[in-house]
Amino acid sequence: MTTKVYYSDLALPPGEYLEEVLHELGMSKSDLARRMARRMARPAPKLSAIIKGSKAITAETALQLERVLKVPAHI
């Protein structure tokens, strides 16, 4: 069986996409902040800055978000 993998070339701010994913999962920003702080020692203000668009997502943070949200880091 062949599996196709699709990659989007749509330019979307990471914080905006993150908010969409949280909405789809029924997870609040504070829920995500608690999970990130508990599992990966990420402070809530950093997460808030990412969602607002005032802080970039590093490769390390993308991998951590992948572990918590199950969204591939490359997205």
PDB file of N, CA and C in Angstrom:
ATOM      1  N   MET A   1       0.839  -1.175   0.000  1.00  0.00           N
ATOM      2  CA  MET A   1       0.000   0.000   0.000  1.00  0.00           C
ATOM      3  C   MET A   1       0.886   1.241   0.000  1.00  0.00           C
ATOM      4  N   THR A   2       0.538   2.204  -0.788  1.00  0.00           N
ATOM      5  CA  THR A   2       1.284   3.451  -0.891  1.00  0.00           C
ATOM      6  C   THR A   2       0.607   4.525  -0.047  1.00  0.00           C
ATOM      7  N   THR A   3       1.431   5.243   0.692  1.00  0.00           N
ATOM      8  CA  THR A   3       0.917   6.342   1.494  1.00  0.00           C
ATOM      9  C   THR A   3       1.439   7.645   0.913  1.00  0.00           C
ATOM     10  N   LYS A   4       0.529   8.559   0.637  1.00  0.00           N
ATOM     11  CA  LYS A   4       0.928   9.866   0.132  1.00  0.00           C
ATOM     12  C   LYS A   4       1.040  10.837   1.292  1.00  0.00           C
ATOM     13  N   VAL A   5       2.066  11.636   1.244  1.00  0.00           N
ATOM     14  CA  VAL A   5       2.262  12.673   2.247  1.00  0.00           C
ATOM     15  C   VAL A   5       2.150  14.010   1.534  1.00  0.00           C
ATOM     16  N   TYR A   6       1.319  14.886   2.070  1.00  0.00           N
ATOM     17  CA  TYR A   6       1.112  16.192   1.467  1.00  0.00           C
ATOM     18  C   TYR A   6       1.751  17.265   2.328  1.00  0.00           C
ATOM     19  N   TYR A   7       2.369  18.231   1.689  1.00  0.00           N
ATOM     20  CA  TYR A   7       2.966  19.369   2.372  1.00  0.00           C
ATOM     21  C   TYR A   7       2.330  20.637   1.825  1.00  0.00           C
ATOM     22  N   SER A   8       1.968  21.511   2.720  1.00  0.00           N
ATOM     23  CA  SER A   8       1.347  22.762   2.314  1.00  0.00           C
ATOM     24  C   SER A   8       2.401  23.823   2.055  1.00  0.00           C
ATOM     25  N   ASP A   9       2.148  24.642   1.031  1.00  0.00           N
ATOM     26  CA  ASP A   9       3.026  25.781   0.795  1.00  0.00           C
ATOM     27  C   ASP A   9       2.319  27.082   1.180  1.00  0.00           C
ATOM     28  N   LEU A  10       1.228  26.945   1.904  1.00  0.00           N
ATOM     29  CA  LEU A  10       0.464  28.094   2.371  1.00  0.00           C
ATOM     30  C   LEU A  10       1.222  28.777   3.506  1.00  0.00           C
ATOM     31  N   ALA A  11       1.450  30.053   3.348  1.00  0.00           N
ATOM     32  CA  ALA A  11       2.147  30.809   4.396  1.00  0.00           C
ATOM     33  C   ALA A  11       1.132  31.232   5.456  1.00  0.00           C
ATOM     34  N   LEU A  12       1.266  30.666   6.621  1.00  0.00           N
ATOM     35  CA  LEU A  12       0.358  30.943   7.722  1.00  0.00           C
ATOM     36  C   LEU A  12       1.206  31.193   8.966  1.00  0.00           C
ATOM     37  N   PRO A  13       0.953  32.260   9.684  1.00  0.00           N
ATOM     38  CA  PRO A  13       1.733  32.511  10.897  1.00  0.00           C
ATOM     39  C   PRO A  13       1.619  31.334  11.864  1.00  0.00           C
ATOM     40  N   PRO A  14       2.736  30.897  12.444  1.00  0.00           N
ATOM     41  CA  PRO A  14       2.716  29.739  13.339  1.00  0.00           C
ATOM     42  C   PRO A  14       1.723  29.865  14.489  1.00  0.00           C
ATOM     43  N   GLY A  15       1.632  31.037  15.073  1.00  0.00           N
ATOM     44  CA  GLY A  15       0.705  31.237  16.184  1.00  0.00           C
ATOM     45  C   GLY A  15      -0.741  31.067  15.765  1.00  0.00           C
ATOM     46  N   GLU A  16      -1.068  31.544  14.573  1.00  0.00           N
ATOM     47  CA  GLU A  16      -2.430  31.410  14.054  1.00  0.00           C
ATOM     48  C   GLU A  16      -2.761  29.932  13.837  1.00  0.00           C
ATOM     49  N   TYR A  17      -1.809  29.207  13.257  1.00  0.00           N
ATOM     50  CA  TYR A  17      -2.026  27.782  13.037  1.00  0.00           C
ATOM     51  C   TYR A  17      -2.146  27.043  14.371  1.00  0.00           C
ATOM     52  N   LEU A  18      -1.319  27.412  15.323  1.00  0.00           N
ATOM     53  CA  LEU A  18      -1.363  26.794  16.634  1.00  0.00           C
ATOM     54  C   LEU A  18      -2.730  26.993  17.283  1.00  0.00           C
ATOM     55  N   GLU A  19      -3.283  28.178  17.153  1.00  0.00           N
ATOM     56  CA  GLU A  19      -4.623  28.435  17.693  1.00  0.00           C
ATOM     57  C   GLU A  19      -5.669  27.558  17.022  1.00  0.00           C
ATOM     58  N   GLU A  20      -5.554  27.368  15.706  1.00  0.00           N
ATOM     59  CA  GLU A  20      -6.489  26.502  14.983  1.00  0.00           C
ATOM     60  C   GLU A  20      -6.404  25.064  15.487  1.00  0.00           C
ATOM     61  N   VAL A  21      -5.197  24.584  15.680  1.00  0.00           N
ATOM     62  CA  VAL A  21      -5.004  23.213  16.173  1.00  0.00           C
ATOM     63  C   VAL A  21      -5.605  23.070  17.567  1.00  0.00           C
ATOM     64  N   LEU A  22      -5.353  24.036  18.432  1.00  0.00           N
ATOM     65  CA  LEU A  22      -5.915  23.990  19.781  1.00  0.00           C
ATOM     66  C   LEU A  22      -7.435  23.952  19.729  1.00  0.00           C
ATOM     67  N   HIS A  23      -8.023  24.758  18.863  1.00  0.00           N
ATOM     68  CA  HIS A  23      -9.477  24.785  18.718  1.00  0.00           C
ATOM     69  C   HIS A  23     -10.001  23.420  18.262  1.00  0.00           C
ATOM     70  N   GLU A  24      -9.329  22.831  17.261  1.00  0.00           N
ATOM     71  CA  GLU A  24      -9.753  21.526  16.751  1.00  0.00           C
ATOM     72  C   GLU A  24      -9.647  20.436  17.814  1.00  0.00           C
ATOM     73  N   LEU A  25      -8.649  20.543  18.676  1.00  0.00           N
ATOM     74  CA  LEU A  25      -8.458  19.555  19.730  1.00  0.00           C
ATOM     75  C   LEU A  25      -9.310  19.829  20.966  1.00  0.00           C
ATOM     76  N   GLY A  26      -9.959  20.984  20.990  1.00  0.00           N
ATOM     77  CA  GLY A  26     -10.748  21.351  22.155  1.00  0.00           C
ATOM     78  C   GLY A  26      -9.875  21.645  23.362  1.00  0.00           C
ATOM     79  N   MET A  27      -8.683  22.147  23.097  1.00  0.00           N
ATOM     80  CA  MET A  27      -7.708  22.429  24.151  1.00  0.00           C
ATOM     81  C   MET A  27      -7.532  23.941  24.279  1.00  0.00           C
ATOM     82  N   SER A  28      -7.501  24.423  25.497  1.00  0.00           N
ATOM     83  CA  SER A  28      -7.285  25.861  25.711  1.00  0.00           C
ATOM     84  C   SER A  28      -5.789  26.164  25.697  1.00  0.00           C
ATOM     85  N   LYS A  29      -5.473  27.435  25.579  1.00  0.00           N
ATOM     86  CA  LYS A  29      -4.069  27.859  25.631  1.00  0.00           C
ATOM     87  C   LYS A  29      -3.470  27.528  26.987  1.00  0.00           C
ATOM     88  N   SER A  30      -4.265  27.677  28.036  1.00  0.00           N
ATOM     89  CA  SER A  30      -3.747  27.369  29.371  1.00  0.00           C
ATOM     90  C   SER A  30      -3.517  25.869  29.538  1.00  0.00           C
ATOM     91  N   ASP A  31      -4.369  25.031  28.912  1.00  0.00           N
ATOM     92  CA  ASP A  31      -4.133  23.581  28.939  1.00  0.00           C
ATOM     93  C   ASP A  31      -2.803  23.252  28.266  1.00  0.00           C
ATOM     94  N   LEU A  32      -2.572  23.851  27.107  1.00  0.00           N
ATOM     95  CA  LEU A  32      -1.326  23.611  26.391  1.00  0.00           C
ATOM     96  C   LEU A  32      -0.136  24.099  27.214  1.00  0.00           C
ATOM     97  N   ALA A  33      -0.270  25.267  27.815  1.00  0.00           N
ATOM     98  CA  ALA A  33       0.818  25.817  28.633  1.00  0.00           C
ATOM     99  C   ALA A  33       1.149  24.883  29.794  1.00  0.00           C
ATOM    100  N   ARG A  34       0.118  24.327  30.429  1.00  0.00           N
ATOM    101  CA  ARG A  34       0.346  23.391  31.542  1.00  0.00           C
ATOM    102  C   ARG A  34       1.067  22.134  31.043  1.00  0.00           C
ATOM    103  N   ARG A  35       0.627  21.607  29.908  1.00  0.00           N
ATOM    104  CA  ARG A  35       1.267  20.399  29.368  1.00  0.00           C
ATOM    105  C   ARG A  35       2.712  20.671  28.960  1.00  0.00           C
ATOM    106  N   MET A  36       2.937  21.828  28.342  1.00  0.00           N
ATOM    107  CA  MET A  36       4.291  22.186  27.922  1.00  0.00           C
ATOM    108  C   MET A  36       5.189  22.391  29.138  1.00  0.00           C
ATOM    109  N   ALA A  37       4.676  23.047  30.172  1.00  0.00           N
ATOM    110  CA  ALA A  37       5.469  23.306  31.374  1.00  0.00           C
ATOM    111  C   ALA A  37       5.783  22.006  32.106  1.00  0.00           C
ATOM    112  N   ARG A  38       4.814  21.115  32.155  1.00  0.00           N
ATOM    113  CA  ARG A  38       4.999  19.858  32.874  1.00  0.00           C
ATOM    114  C   ARG A  38       5.956  18.932  32.130  1.00  0.00           C
ATOM    115  N   ARG A  39       5.798  18.814  30.837  1.00  0.00           N
ATOM    116  CA  ARG A  39       6.603  17.860  30.067  1.00  0.00           C
ATOM    117  C   ARG A  39       7.941  18.421  29.604  1.00  0.00           C
ATOM    118  N   MET A  40       7.978  19.710  29.286  1.00  0.00           N
ATOM    119  CA  MET A  40       9.173  20.241  28.653  1.00  0.00           C
ATOM    120  C   MET A  40       9.704  21.520  29.269  1.00  0.00           C
ATOM    121  N   ALA A  41       9.207  21.900  30.383  1.00  0.00           N
ATOM    122  CA  ALA A  41       9.674  23.104  31.072  1.00  0.00           C
ATOM    123  C   ALA A  41       9.601  24.351  30.198  1.00  0.00           C
ATOM    124  N   ARG A  42       8.525  24.495  29.462  1.00  0.00           N
ATOM    125  CA  ARG A  42       8.294  25.694  28.647  1.00  0.00           C
ATOM    126  C   ARG A  42       7.362  26.621  29.413  1.00  0.00           C
ATOM    127  N   PRO A  43       7.786  27.839  29.694  1.00  0.00           N
ATOM    128  CA  PRO A  43       6.936  28.774  30.438  1.00  0.00           C
ATOM    129  C   PRO A  43       5.759  29.275  29.595  1.00  0.00           C
ATOM    130  N   ALA A  44       4.647  29.545  30.264  1.00  0.00           N
ATOM    131  CA  ALA A  44       3.446  30.025  29.588  1.00  0.00           C
ATOM    132  C   ALA A  44       3.676  31.327  28.818  1.00  0.00           C
ATOM    133  N   PRO A  45       4.468  32.291  29.336  1.00  0.00           N
ATOM    134  CA  PRO A  45       4.675  33.526  28.575  1.00  0.00           C
ATOM    135  C   PRO A  45       5.321  33.287  27.200  1.00  0.00           C
ATOM    136  N   LYS A  46       6.208  32.303  27.105  1.00  0.00           N
ATOM    137  CA  LYS A  46       6.825  32.014  25.811  1.00  0.00           C
ATOM    138  C   LYS A  46       5.774  31.495  24.839  1.00  0.00           C
ATOM    139  N   LEU A  47       4.905  30.631  25.308  1.00  0.00           N
ATOM    140  CA  LEU A  47       3.843  30.094  24.470  1.00  0.00           C
ATOM    141  C   LEU A  47       2.891  31.199  24.033  1.00  0.00           C
ATOM    142  N   SER A  48       2.569  32.090  24.937  1.00  0.00           N
ATOM    143  CA  SER A  48       1.702  33.214  24.620  1.00  0.00           C
ATOM    144  C   SER A  48       2.331  34.104  23.554  1.00  0.00           C
ATOM    145  N   ALA A  49       3.643  34.345  23.669  1.00  0.00           N
ATOM    146  CA  ALA A  49       4.344  35.176  22.679  1.00  0.00           C
ATOM    147  C   ALA A  49       4.349  34.514  21.307  1.00  0.00           C
ATOM    148  N   ILE A  50       4.458  33.183  21.270  1.00  0.00           N
ATOM    149  CA  ILE A  50       4.406  32.465  19.995  1.00  0.00           C
ATOM    150  C   ILE A  50       3.033  32.633  19.358  1.00  0.00           C
ATOM    151  N   ILE A  51       1.984  32.465  20.146  1.00  0.00           N
ATOM    152  CA  ILE A  51       0.622  32.584  19.621  1.00  0.00           C
ATOM    153  C   ILE A  51       0.343  34.004  19.146  1.00  0.00           C
ATOM    154  N   LYS A  52       0.850  35.002  19.852  1.00  0.00           N
ATOM    155  CA  LYS A  52       0.659  36.402  19.452  1.00  0.00           C
ATOM    156  C   LYS A  52       1.492  36.779  18.233  1.00  0.00           C
ATOM    157  N   GLY A  53       2.515  35.970  17.938  1.00  0.00           N
ATOM    158  CA  GLY A  53       3.369  36.250  16.792  1.00  0.00           C
ATOM    159  C   GLY A  53       4.571  37.119  17.114  1.00  0.00           C
ATOM    160  N   SER A  54       4.826  37.350  18.388  1.00  0.00           N
ATOM    161  CA  SER A  54       5.970  38.185  18.757  1.00  0.00           C
ATOM    162  C   SER A  54       7.231  37.360  19.035  1.00  0.00           C
ATOM    163  N   LYS A  55       7.115  36.039  18.976  1.00  0.00           N
ATOM    164  CA  LYS A  55       8.265  35.160  19.175  1.00  0.00           C
ATOM    165  C   LYS A  55       8.184  34.034  18.156  1.00  0.00           C
ATOM    166  N   ALA A  56       9.325  33.708  17.574  1.00  0.00           N
ATOM    167  CA  ALA A  56       9.380  32.637  16.579  1.00  0.00           C
ATOM    168  C   ALA A  56       9.397  31.274  17.266  1.00  0.00           C
ATOM    169  N   ILE A  57       8.986  30.266  16.520  1.00  0.00           N
ATOM    170  CA  ILE A  57       9.070  28.896  17.005  1.00  0.00           C
ATOM    171  C   ILE A  57      10.414  28.337  16.569  1.00  0.00           C
ATOM    172  N   THR A  58      11.201  27.913  17.532  1.00  0.00           N
ATOM    173  CA  THR A  58      12.485  27.291  17.214  1.00  0.00           C
ATOM    174  C   THR A  58      12.238  25.831  16.832  1.00  0.00           C
ATOM    175  N   ALA A  59      13.238  25.205  16.265  1.00  0.00           N
ATOM    176  CA  ALA A  59      13.125  23.788  15.905  1.00  0.00           C
ATOM    177  C   ALA A  59      12.848  22.949  17.157  1.00  0.00           C
ATOM    178  N   GLU A  60      13.514  23.276  18.247  1.00  0.00           N
ATOM    179  CA  GLU A  60      13.309  22.541  19.499  1.00  0.00           C
ATOM    180  C   GLU A  60      11.865  22.672  19.988  1.00  0.00           C
ATOM    181  N   THR A  61      11.328  23.883  19.949  1.00  0.00           N
ATOM    182  CA  THR A  61       9.947  24.100  20.384  1.00  0.00           C
ATOM    183  C   THR A  61       8.980  23.384  19.459  1.00  0.00           C
ATOM    184  N   ALA A  62       9.248  23.389  18.156  1.00  0.00           N
ATOM    185  CA  ALA A  62       8.387  22.683  17.198  1.00  0.00           C
ATOM    186  C   ALA A  62       8.341  21.195  17.518  1.00  0.00           C
ATOM    187  N   LEU A  63       9.477  20.623  17.870  1.00  0.00           N
ATOM    188  CA  LEU A  63       9.514  19.203  18.226  1.00  0.00           C
ATOM    189  C   LEU A  63       8.756  18.934  19.525  1.00  0.00           C
ATOM    190  N   GLN A  64       8.847  19.862  20.451  1.00  0.00           N
ATOM    191  CA  GLN A  64       8.115  19.716  21.711  1.00  0.00           C
ATOM    192  C   GLN A  64       6.612  19.838  21.486  1.00  0.00           C
ATOM    193  N   LEU A  65       6.214  20.777  20.643  1.00  0.00           N
ATOM    194  CA  LEU A  65       4.791  20.905  20.306  1.00  0.00           C
ATOM    195  C   LEU A  65       4.295  19.650  19.598  1.00  0.00           C
ATOM    196  N   GLU A  66       5.135  19.064  18.767  1.00  0.00           N
ATOM    197  CA  GLU A  66       4.778  17.823  18.073  1.00  0.00           C
ATOM    198  C   GLU A  66       4.467  16.722  19.089  1.00  0.00           C
ATOM    199  N   ARG A  67       5.278  16.612  20.118  1.00  0.00           N
ATOM    200  CA  ARG A  67       5.062  15.587  21.144  1.00  0.00           C
ATOM    201  C   ARG A  67       3.757  15.802  21.912  1.00  0.00           C
ATOM    202  N   VAL A  68       3.426  17.061  22.166  1.00  0.00           N
ATOM    203  CA  VAL A  68       2.223  17.363  22.949  1.00  0.00           C
ATOM    204  C   VAL A  68       0.964  17.336  22.084  1.00  0.00           C
ATOM    205  N   LEU A  69       1.025  17.940  20.894  1.00  0.00           N
ATOM    206  CA  LEU A  69      -0.161  18.097  20.056  1.00  0.00           C
ATOM    207  C   LEU A  69      -0.316  17.039  18.965  1.00  0.00           C
ATOM    208  N   LYS A  70       0.748  16.259  18.726  1.00  0.00           N
ATOM    209  CA  LYS A  70       0.740  15.241  17.666  1.00  0.00           C
ATOM    210  C   LYS A  70       0.597  15.843  16.273  1.00  0.00           C
ATOM    211  N   VAL A  71       1.086  17.075  16.119  1.00  0.00           N
ATOM    212  CA  VAL A  71       1.132  17.746  14.819  1.00  0.00           C
ATOM    213  C   VAL A  71       2.589  17.728  14.368  1.00  0.00           C
ATOM    214  N   PRO A  72       2.883  17.222  13.166  1.00  0.00           N
ATOM    215  CA  PRO A  72       4.274  17.139  12.737  1.00  0.00           C
ATOM    216  C   PRO A  72       5.007  18.485  12.845  1.00  0.00           C
ATOM    217  N   ALA A  73       6.227  18.428  13.333  1.00  0.00           N
ATOM    218  CA  ALA A  73       7.012  19.640  13.575  1.00  0.00           C
ATOM    219  C   ALA A  73       7.264  20.440  12.310  1.00  0.00           C
ATOM    220  N   HIS A  74       7.360  19.774  11.156  1.00  0.00           N
ATOM    221  CA  HIS A  74       7.645  20.497   9.921  1.00  0.00           C
ATOM    222  C   HIS A  74       6.497  21.415   9.502  1.00  0.00           C
ATOM    223  N   ILE A  75       5.330  21.181  10.044  1.00  0.00           N
ATOM    224  CA  ILE A  75       4.185  22.030   9.715  1.00  0.00           C
ATOM    225  C   ILE A  75       4.262  23.295  10.531  1.00  0.00           C
TER     226      ILE A  75
END
